[in-house]
C-alpha atoms as a PDB file:
ATOM      1  CA  UNK A   1       0.029  -0.070  -0.025  1.00  0.00           C
ATOM      2  CA  UNK A   2       1.327   3.483  -0.979  1.00  0.00           C
ATOM      3  CA  UNK A   3       0.029   6.960  -0.299  1.00  0.00           C
ATOM      4  CA  UNK A   4       1.109  10.226  -1.867  1.00  0.00           C
ATOM      5  CA  UNK A   5       0.452  13.804  -0.930  1.00  0.00           C
ATOM      6  CA  UNK A   6       1.032  16.764  -3.527  1.00  0.00           C
ATOM      7  CA  UNK A   7       0.304  20.345  -2.168  1.00  0.00           C
ATOM      8  CA  UNK A   8      -1.379  22.677  -4.707  1.00  0.00           C
ATOM      9  CA  UNK A   9      -1.148  26.557  -5.036  1.00  0.00           C
ATOM     10  CA  UNK A  10      -2.777  27.871  -8.241  1.00  0.00           C
ATOM     11  CA  UNK A  11      -1.558  25.194 -10.124  1.00  0.00           C
ATOM     12  CA  UNK A  12      -1.619  24.779 -14.080  1.00  0.00           C
ATOM     13  CA  UNK A  13      -4.218  22.299 -14.660  1.00  0.00           C
ATOM     14  CA  UNK A  14      -2.737  20.635 -17.577  1.00  0.00           C
ATOM     15  CA  UNK A  15       0.621  20.118 -15.509  1.00  0.00           C
ATOM     16  CA  UNK A  16      -0.954  18.595 -12.285  1.00  0.00           C
ATOM     17  CA  UNK A  17      -3.032  16.287 -14.620  1.00  0.00           C
ATOM     18  CA  UNK A  18       0.279  14.621 -15.911  1.00  0.00           C
ATOM     19  CA  UNK A  19       1.557  14.460 -12.390  1.00  0.00           C
ATOM     20  CA  UNK A  20      -1.668  12.774 -11.163  1.00  0.00           C
ATOM     21  CA  UNK A  21      -1.895  10.410 -14.119  1.00  0.00           C
ATOM     22  CA  UNK A  22       1.845   9.440 -13.238  1.00  0.00           C
ATOM     23  CA  UNK A  23       0.874   8.324  -9.923  1.00  0.00           C
ATOM     24  CA  UNK A  24      -2.533   6.672 -10.673  1.00  0.00           C
ATOM     25  CA  UNK A  25      -0.720   4.492 -13.306  1.00  0.00           C
ATOM     26  CA  UNK A  26       1.312   2.885 -10.482  1.00  0.00           C
ATOM     27  CA  UNK A  27      -0.106  -0.775 -10.337  1.00  0.00           C
ATOM     28  CA  UNK A  28       0.084  -0.860  -6.754  1.00  0.00           C
ATOM     29  CA  UNK A  29      -2.885  -0.554  -4.010  1.00  0.00           C
ATOM     30  CA  UNK A  30      -2.613   3.326  -3.569  1.00  0.00           C
ATOM     31  CA  UNK A  31      -4.253   6.574  -2.250  1.00  0.00           C
ATOM     32  CA  UNK A  32      -3.327  10.103  -3.390  1.00  0.00           C
ATOM     33  CA  UNK A  33      -4.135  13.255  -1.172  1.00  0.00           C
ATOM     34  CA  UNK A  34      -4.375  16.529  -3.061  1.00  0.00           C
ATOM     35  CA  UNK A  35      -4.080  19.394  -0.806  1.00  0.00           C
ATOM     36  CA  UNK A  36      -4.968  22.673  -2.231  1.00  0.00           C
ATOM     37  CA  UNK A  37      -3.862  25.746  -0.733  1.00  0.00           C
ATOM     38  CA  UNK A  38      -5.304  28.022  -3.308  1.00  0.00           C
ATOM     39  CA  UNK A  39      -7.698  31.013  -2.795  1.00  0.00           C
ATOM     40  CA  UNK A  40     -10.243  29.520  -4.961  1.00  0.00           C
ATOM     41  CA  UNK A  41     -11.508  25.945  -5.329  1.00  0.00           C
ATOM     42  CA  UNK A  42     -11.143  25.730  -9.073  1.00  0.00           C
ATOM     43  CA  UNK A  43      -9.416  22.246  -9.320  1.00  0.00           C
ATOM     44  CA  UNK A  44     -11.665  19.739  -7.085  1.00  0.00           C
ATOM     45  CA  UNK A  45     -14.101  18.952  -9.765  1.00  0.00           C
ATOM     46  CA  UNK A  46     -11.350  17.810 -12.463  1.00  0.00           C
ATOM     47  CA  UNK A  47     -10.099  15.082  -9.980  1.00  0.00           C
ATOM     48  CA  UNK A  48     -13.003  12.716  -8.997  1.00  0.00           C
ATOM     49  CA  UNK A  49     -11.360   9.498  -8.524  1.00  0.00           C
ATOM     50  CA  UNK A  50     -11.749   6.585  -6.172  1.00  0.00           C
ATOM     51  CA  UNK A  51      -7.920   6.712  -5.270  1.00  0.00           C
ATOM     52  CA  UNK A  52      -7.850  10.730  -4.682  1.00  0.00           C
ATOM     53  CA  UNK A  53      -9.168  12.669  -1.585  1.00  0.00           C
ATOM     54  CA  UNK A  54      -9.147  16.122  -2.218  1.00  0.00           C
ATOM     55  CA  UNK A  55      -8.510  18.572   0.668  1.00  0.00           C
ATOM     56  CA  UNK A  56      -9.383  22.087   0.029  1.00  0.00           C
ATOM     57  CA  UNK A  57      -7.678  24.266   2.755  1.00  0.00           C
ATOM     58  CA  UNK A  58      -8.976  27.548   1.431  1.00  0.00           C
ATOM     59  CA  UNK A  59      -5.813  29.575   2.408  1.00  0.00           C
ATOM     60  CA  UNK A  60      -2.269  29.436   1.917  1.00  0.00           C
ATOM     61  CA  UNK A  61      -0.892  27.596   5.236  1.00  0.00           C
ATOM     62  CA  UNK A  62       2.587  26.744   3.315  1.00  0.00           C
ATOM     63  CA  UNK A  63       4.063  23.527   2.046  1.00  0.00           C
ATOM     64  CA  UNK A  64       5.020  21.565   4.959  1.00  0.00           C
ATOM     65  CA  UNK A  65       1.933  22.396   6.974  1.00  0.00           C
ATOM     66  CA  UNK A  66      -0.217  21.127   4.238  1.00  0.00           C
ATOM     67  CA  UNK A  67       1.631  17.910   3.857  1.00  0.00           C
ATOM     68  CA  UNK A  68       1.388  17.297   7.470  1.00  0.00           C
ATOM     69  CA  UNK A  69      -2.467  17.380   7.293  1.00  0.00           C
ATOM     70  CA  UNK A  70      -2.445  13.833   5.998  1.00  0.00           C
ATOM     71  CA  UNK A  71      -0.158  12.802   8.938  1.00  0.00           C
ATOM     72  CA  UNK A  72      -3.163  11.026  10.860  1.00  0.00           C
ATOM     73  CA  UNK A  73      -4.646   9.603   7.658  1.00  0.00           C
ATOM     74  CA  UNK A  74      -1.844   7.448   6.199  1.00  0.00           C
ATOM     75  CA  UNK A  75      -1.531   3.965   6.965  1.00  0.00           C
ATOM     76  CA  UNK A  76       0.278   2.783   4.287  1.00  0.00           C
ATOM     77  CA  UNK A  77       3.918   0.914   4.132  1.00  0.00           C
ATOM     78  CA  UNK A  78       5.257   4.076   1.778  1.00  0.00           C
ATOM     79  CA  UNK A  79       4.512   7.489   1.281  1.00  0.00           C
ATOM     80  CA  UNK A  80       5.632   9.841  -1.409  1.00  0.00           C
ATOM     81  CA  UNK A  81       6.046  13.492  -1.101  1.00  0.00           C
ATOM     82  CA  UNK A  82       5.591  14.745  -4.480  1.00  0.00           C
ATOM     83  CA  UNK A  83       5.855  17.988  -6.261  1.00  0.00           C
ATOM     84  CA  UNK A  84       2.723  18.996  -8.728  1.00  0.00           C
ATOM     85  CA  UNK A  85       5.137  19.276 -11.736  1.00  0.00           C
ATOM     86  CA  UNK A  86       6.796  15.806 -11.989  1.00  0.00           C
ATOM     87  CA  UNK A  87       6.147  12.953 -14.323  1.00  0.00           C
ATOM     88  CA  UNK A  88       7.281   9.440 -14.441  1.00  0.00           C
ATOM     89  CA  UNK A  89       6.689   5.883 -15.839  1.00  0.00           C
ATOM     90  CA  UNK A  90       4.243   3.332 -14.196  1.00  0.00           C
ATOM     91  CA  UNK A  91       6.944   1.073 -13.060  1.00  0.00           C
ATOM     92  CA  UNK A  92       9.140   3.802 -11.202  1.00  0.00           C
ATOM     93  CA  UNK A  93       7.573   3.628  -7.550  1.00  0.00           C
ATOM     94  CA  UNK A  94       7.509  -0.170  -7.510  1.00  0.00           C
ATOM     95  CA  UNK A  95      10.982  -0.466  -8.547  1.00  0.00           C
ATOM     96  CA  UNK A  96      12.005   2.150  -5.946  1.00  0.00           C
ATOM     97  CA  UNK A  97      10.023   0.417  -3.340  1.00  0.00           C
ATOM     98  CA  UNK A  98      12.172  -2.928  -4.037  1.00  0.00           C
ATOM     99  CA  UNK A  99      15.185  -0.893  -3.458  1.00  0.00           C
ATOM    100  CA  UNK A 100      14.147   0.838  -0.310  1.00  0.00           C
ATOM    101  CA  UNK A 101      12.911  -2.661   1.226  1.00  0.00           C
ATOM    102  CA  UNK A 102      16.560  -3.802   1.138  1.00  0.00           C
ATOM    103  CA  UNK A 103      17.767  -0.493   2.827  1.00  0.00           C
ATOM    104  CA  UNK A 104      16.883  -0.920   6.585  1.00  0.00           C
ATOM    105  CA  UNK A 105      18.712   2.303   7.288  1.00  0.00           C
ATOM    106  CA  UNK A 106      16.941   4.507   4.601  1.00  0.00           C
ATOM    107  CA  UNK A 107      14.255   6.742   5.490  1.00  0.00           C
ATOM    108  CA  UNK A 108      13.661   7.653   1.938  1.00  0.00           C
ATOM    109  CA  UNK A 109      14.849   7.427  -1.723  1.00  0.00           C
ATOM    110  CA  UNK A 110      14.754   9.760  -4.586  1.00  0.00           C
ATOM    111  CA  UNK A 111      15.505   8.762  -8.276  1.00  0.00           C
ATOM    112  CA  UNK A 112      17.606  10.360 -10.782  1.00  0.00           C
ATOM    113  CA  UNK A 113      15.943  13.881 -11.625  1.00  0.00           C
ATOM    114  CA  UNK A 114      15.888  15.337 -15.213  1.00  0.00           C
ATOM    115  CA  UNK A 115      14.903  18.704 -16.538  1.00  0.00           C
ATOM    116  CA  UNK A 116      11.923  18.163 -19.500  1.00  0.00           C
ATOM    117  CA  UNK A 117      15.193  18.561 -21.996  1.00  0.00           C
ATOM    118  CA  UNK A 118      16.790  15.403 -20.388  1.00  0.00           C
ATOM    119  CA  UNK A 119      19.535  17.463 -18.485  1.00  0.00           C
ATOM    120  CA  UNK A 120      20.091  16.268 -14.886  1.00  0.00           C
ATOM    121  CA  UNK A 121      19.097  18.211 -12.104  1.00  0.00           C
ATOM    122  CA  UNK A 122      21.371  18.157  -9.404  1.00  0.00           C
ATOM    123  CA  UNK A 123      19.241  17.439  -6.530  1.00  0.00           C
ATOM    124  CA  UNK A 124      21.894  16.066  -4.185  1.00  0.00           C
ATOM    125  CA  UNK A 125      23.508  18.424  -1.788  1.00  0.00           C
ATOM    126  CA  UNK A 126      25.783  18.923   1.135  1.00  0.00           C
ATOM    127  CA  UNK A 127      23.798  20.289   4.310  1.00  0.00           C
ATOM    128  CA  UNK A 128      23.301  23.960   3.393  1.00  0.00           C
ATOM    129  CA  UNK A 129      25.929  26.469   4.967  1.00  0.00           C
ATOM    130  CA  UNK A 130      25.189  30.437   4.850  1.00  0.00           C
ATOM    131  CA  UNK A 131      28.102  30.681   2.349  1.00  0.00           C
ATOM    132  CA  UNK A 132      26.250  28.288   0.157  1.00  0.00           C
ATOM    133  CA  UNK A 133      23.079  29.920  -0.008  1.00  0.00           C
ATOM    134  CA  UNK A 134      24.925  33.350  -1.007  1.00  0.00           C
ATOM    135  CA  UNK A 135      27.223  31.526  -3.204  1.00  0.00           C
ATOM    136  CA  UNK A 136      24.416  30.223  -5.183  1.00  0.00           C
ATOM    137  CA  UNK A 137      22.580  33.330  -5.785  1.00  0.00           C
ATOM    138  CA  UNK A 138      25.931  35.393  -6.354  1.00  0.00           C
ATOM    139  CA  UNK A 139      28.138  32.633  -8.032  1.00  0.00           C
ATOM    140  CA  UNK A 140      31.139  33.707  -6.103  1.00  0.00           C
ATOM    141  CA  UNK A 141      33.001  30.355  -6.461  1.00  0.00           C
ATOM    142  CA  UNK A 142      31.668  27.956  -9.122  1.00  0.00           C
ATOM    143  CA  UNK A 143      34.097  25.179  -7.650  1.00  0.00           C
ATOM    144  CA  UNK A 144      32.386  25.637  -4.244  1.00  0.00           C
ATOM    145  CA  UNK A 145      29.038  24.782  -6.027  1.00  0.00           C
ATOM    146  CA  UNK A 146      30.194  21.791  -7.789  1.00  0.00           C
ATOM    147  CA  UNK A 147      31.680  20.377  -4.577  1.00  0.00           C
ATOM    148  CA  UNK A 148      28.161  21.129  -2.888  1.00  0.00           C
ATOM    149  CA  UNK A 149      26.179  19.280  -5.430  1.00  0.00           C
ATOM    150  CA  UNK A 150      28.549  16.402  -5.519  1.00  0.00           C
ATOM    151  CA  UNK A 151      29.280  16.872  -9.187  1.00  0.00           C
ATOM    152  CA  UNK A 152      32.932  15.746  -8.707  1.00  0.00           C
ATOM    153  CA  UNK A 153      31.570  12.305  -8.067  1.00  0.00           C
ATOM    154  CA  UNK A 154      29.983   9.779 -10.251  1.00  0.00           C
ATOM    155  CA  UNK A 155      26.189  10.506 -10.055  1.00  0.00           C
ATOM    156  CA  UNK A 156      25.341   7.456 -12.183  1.00  0.00           C
ATOM    157  CA  UNK A 157      25.940   5.207  -9.092  1.00  0.00           C
ATOM    158  CA  UNK A 158      23.823   5.184  -5.779  1.00  0.00           C
ATOM    159  CA  UNK A 159      24.870   6.900  -2.827  1.00  0.00           C
ATOM    160  CA  UNK A 160      23.868   8.352   0.664  1.00  0.00           C
ATOM    161  CA  UNK A 161      23.784  12.545   0.285  1.00  0.00           C
ATOM    162  CA  UNK A 162      23.479  14.731   3.181  1.00  0.00           C
ATOM    163  CA  UNK A 163      20.592  16.391   1.695  1.00  0.00           C
ATOM    164  CA  UNK A 164      18.203  15.632  -1.481  1.00  0.00           C
ATOM    165  CA  UNK A 165      15.581  18.052  -2.764  1.00  0.00           C
ATOM    166  CA  UNK A 166      12.116  17.324  -1.890  1.00  0.00           C
ATOM    167  CA  UNK A 167      10.261  17.049  -5.359  1.00  0.00           C
ATOM    168  CA  UNK A 168       9.987  13.184  -5.049  1.00  0.00           C
ATOM    169  CA  UNK A 169      10.751  11.774  -1.706  1.00  0.00           C
ATOM    170  CA  UNK A 170       9.497   8.432  -1.349  1.00  0.00           C
ATOM    171  CA  UNK A 171       9.389   7.457   2.591  1.00  0.00           C
ATOM    172  CA  UNK A 172       8.665   4.490   4.622  1.00  0.00           C
ATOM    173  CA  UNK A 173       5.684   5.772   6.278  1.00  0.00           C
ATOM    174  CA  UNK A 174       6.666   4.689   9.876  1.00  0.00           C
ATOM    175  CA  UNK A 175       9.773   7.075   9.647  1.00  0.00           C
ATOM    176  CA  UNK A 176       7.708   9.904   7.864  1.00  0.00           C
ATOM    177  CA  UNK A 177       5.467   9.653  10.878  1.00  0.00           C
ATOM    178  CA  UNK A 178       8.038   9.206  13.631  1.00  0.00           C
ATOM    179  CA  UNK A 179       9.752  12.405  12.208  1.00  0.00           C
ATOM    180  CA  UNK A 180       6.112  14.049  12.807  1.00  0.00           C
ATOM    181  CA  UNK A 181       6.352  15.130   9.011  1.00  0.00           C
ATOM    182  CA  UNK A 182       7.877  18.631   8.095  1.00  0.00           C
ATOM    183  CA  UNK A 183       8.764  21.203  10.704  1.00  0.00           C
ATOM    184  CA  UNK A 184       5.879  23.656  10.287  1.00  0.00           C
ATOM    185  CA  UNK A 185       7.810  26.819  11.071  1.00  0.00           C
ATOM    186  CA  UNK A 186       9.016  26.806   7.411  1.00  0.00           C
ATOM    187  CA  UNK A 187       6.200  28.485   5.302  1.00  0.00           C
ATOM    188  CA  UNK A 188       8.111  27.466   1.978  1.00  0.00           C
ATOM    189  CA  UNK A 189      11.631  26.287   1.274  1.00  0.00           C
ATOM    190  CA  UNK A 190      14.335  24.593   3.391  1.00  0.00           C
ATOM    191  CA  UNK A 191      11.679  22.210   4.798  1.00  0.00           C
ATOM    192  CA  UNK A 192      13.477  19.549   3.063  1.00  0.00           C
ATOM    193  CA  UNK A 193      16.929  20.254   4.180  1.00  0.00           C
ATOM    194  CA  UNK A 194      15.300  20.141   7.943  1.00  0.00           C
ATOM    195  CA  UNK A 195      13.762  17.000   7.177  1.00  0.00           C
ATOM    196  CA  UNK A 196      17.411  15.454   6.091  1.00  0.00           C
ATOM    197  CA  UNK A 197      18.814  16.940   9.287  1.00  0.00           C
ATOM    198  CA  UNK A 198      15.952  15.288  11.237  1.00  0.00           C
ATOM    199  CA  UNK A 199      16.669  11.909   9.523  1.00  0.00           C
ATOM    200  CA  UNK A 200      20.215  11.994  10.490  1.00  0.00           C
ATOM    201  CA  UNK A 201      19.203  12.863  14.157  1.00  0.00           C
ATOM    202  CA  UNK A 202      17.721   9.444  14.331  1.00  0.00           C
ATOM    203  CA  UNK A 203      20.379   7.674  12.652  1.00  0.00           C
ATOM    204  CA  UNK A 204      19.277   6.957   9.335  1.00  0.00           C
ATOM    205  CA  UNK A 205      20.000   7.761   5.679  1.00  0.00           C
ATOM    206  CA  UNK A 206      18.587   9.492   2.391  1.00  0.00           C
ATOM    207  CA  UNK A 207      19.598   7.421  -0.963  1.00  0.00           C
ATOM    208  CA  UNK A 208      19.905   8.950  -4.305  1.00  0.00           C
ATOM    209  CA  UNK A 209      19.254   5.947  -6.589  1.00  0.00           C
ATOM    210  CA  UNK A 210      20.165   7.172 -10.215  1.00  0.00           C
ATOM    211  CA  UNK A 211      19.265   4.029 -12.163  1.00  0.00           C
ATOM    212  CA  UNK A 212      15.496   4.989 -12.073  1.00  0.00           C
ATOM    213  CA  UNK A 213      14.553   8.612 -13.326  1.00  0.00           C
ATOM    214  CA  UNK A 214      11.981  10.942 -13.383  1.00  0.00           C
ATOM    215  CA  UNK A 215      11.178  14.360 -15.010  1.00  0.00           C
ATOM    216  CA  UNK A 216      10.709  17.476 -12.993  1.00  0.00           C
ATOM    217  CA  UNK A 217       9.843  20.959 -14.522  1.00  0.00           C
ATOM    218  CA  UNK A 218      11.313  22.777 -11.485  1.00  0.00           C
ATOM    219  CA  UNK A 219      10.208  26.531 -11.711  1.00  0.00           C
ATOM    220  CA  UNK A 220      13.133  28.018  -9.743  1.00  0.00           C
ATOM    221  CA  UNK A 221      10.544  30.498  -8.286  1.00  0.00           C
ATOM    222  CA  UNK A 222      12.560  32.059  -5.727  1.00  0.00           C
ATOM    223  CA  UNK A 223      15.082  33.236  -8.516  1.00  0.00           C
ATOM    224  CA  UNK A 224      12.365  35.060 -10.174  1.00  0.00           C
ATOM    225  CA  UNK A 225      10.355  36.453  -7.589  1.00  0.00           C
ATOM    226  CA  UNK A 226      11.179  39.087  -4.841  1.00  0.00           C
ATOM    227  CA  UNK A 227       8.146  37.514  -2.895  1.00  0.00           C
ATOM    228  CA  UNK A 228       9.627  33.977  -3.115  1.00  0.00           C
ATOM    229  CA  UNK A 229      12.941  34.960  -2.584  1.00  0.00           C
ATOM    230  CA  UNK A 230      11.890  36.519   0.819  1.00  0.00           C
ATOM    231  CA  UNK A 231      10.214  33.494   1.782  1.00  0.00           C
ATOM    232  CA  UNK A 232      13.335  31.438   1.016  1.00  0.00           C
ATOM    233  CA  UNK A 233      15.345  33.996   3.099  1.00  0.00           C
ATOM    234  CA  UNK A 234      13.129  33.744   5.853  1.00  0.00           C
ATOM    235  CA  UNK A 235      13.350  30.001   6.000  1.00  0.00           C
ATOM    236  CA  UNK A 236      17.037  30.184   5.589  1.00  0.00           C
ATOM    237  CA  UNK A 237      17.144  32.028   8.621  1.00  0.00           C
ATOM    238  CA  UNK A 238      14.990  29.632  10.586  1.00  0.00           C
ATOM    239  CA  UNK A 239      17.227  26.688   9.326  1.00  0.00           C
ATOM    240  CA  UNK A 240      20.610  28.151  10.756  1.00  0.00           C
ATOM    241  CA  UNK A 241      18.950  29.224  13.928  1.00  0.00           C
ATOM    242  CA  UNK A 242      18.021  25.517  14.621  1.00  0.00           C
ATOM    243  CA  UNK A 243      20.910  23.769  13.102  1.00  0.00           C
ATOM    244  CA  UNK A 244      23.812  26.213  13.239  1.00  0.00           C
ATOM    245  CA  UNK A 245      25.755  27.770  10.157  1.00  0.00           C
END
């Protein structure tokens, strides 16, 4: 049994349909939770399905808090945290579960992530530092960015990075619930980095598994919007106050 949750906010209908269809094609017993933070309930009528539960929140409560709304609902073996702009083949989840079952020390697994043009997304990172975040914005040291993204190692082989970006996080449900989901102090951004730190604290790991791949549009919102950049900055301060610089 697998569950999944997707948080929505003013999403493009055609984009989210592709993501939902990808999940529903998975040949397993499953349940998808669509949690809509949008100001207007325009999407619910498009997702009437026995394997979908649509939760309309009515206001934007943030990414982590919205995902946490299903914590007391899920009784699955595996729970997928999924972005609304991801596509994948029907066997992706099943094959990742097979790997995860043989990894007792791993809390979640993420496959190789590609842009629509098939270029790789560097979703694996070292734990963030204050300099890393400044450097990514100002490009002070390209060498530091390469090291931070593990670009100097062979990314065609599985490994256990410090931090994996959260567009597709396939959890063992018991670990996701043990960690009490995401820290709700983060409205948007850094909640996945925080989650990876919490996994370290319980003696578990995160697995990057590039032998399986998915496609992610990845809008890079904080680099295009002042408002989203300020959300990112606020989350960064909360992260470093909690975990140190």
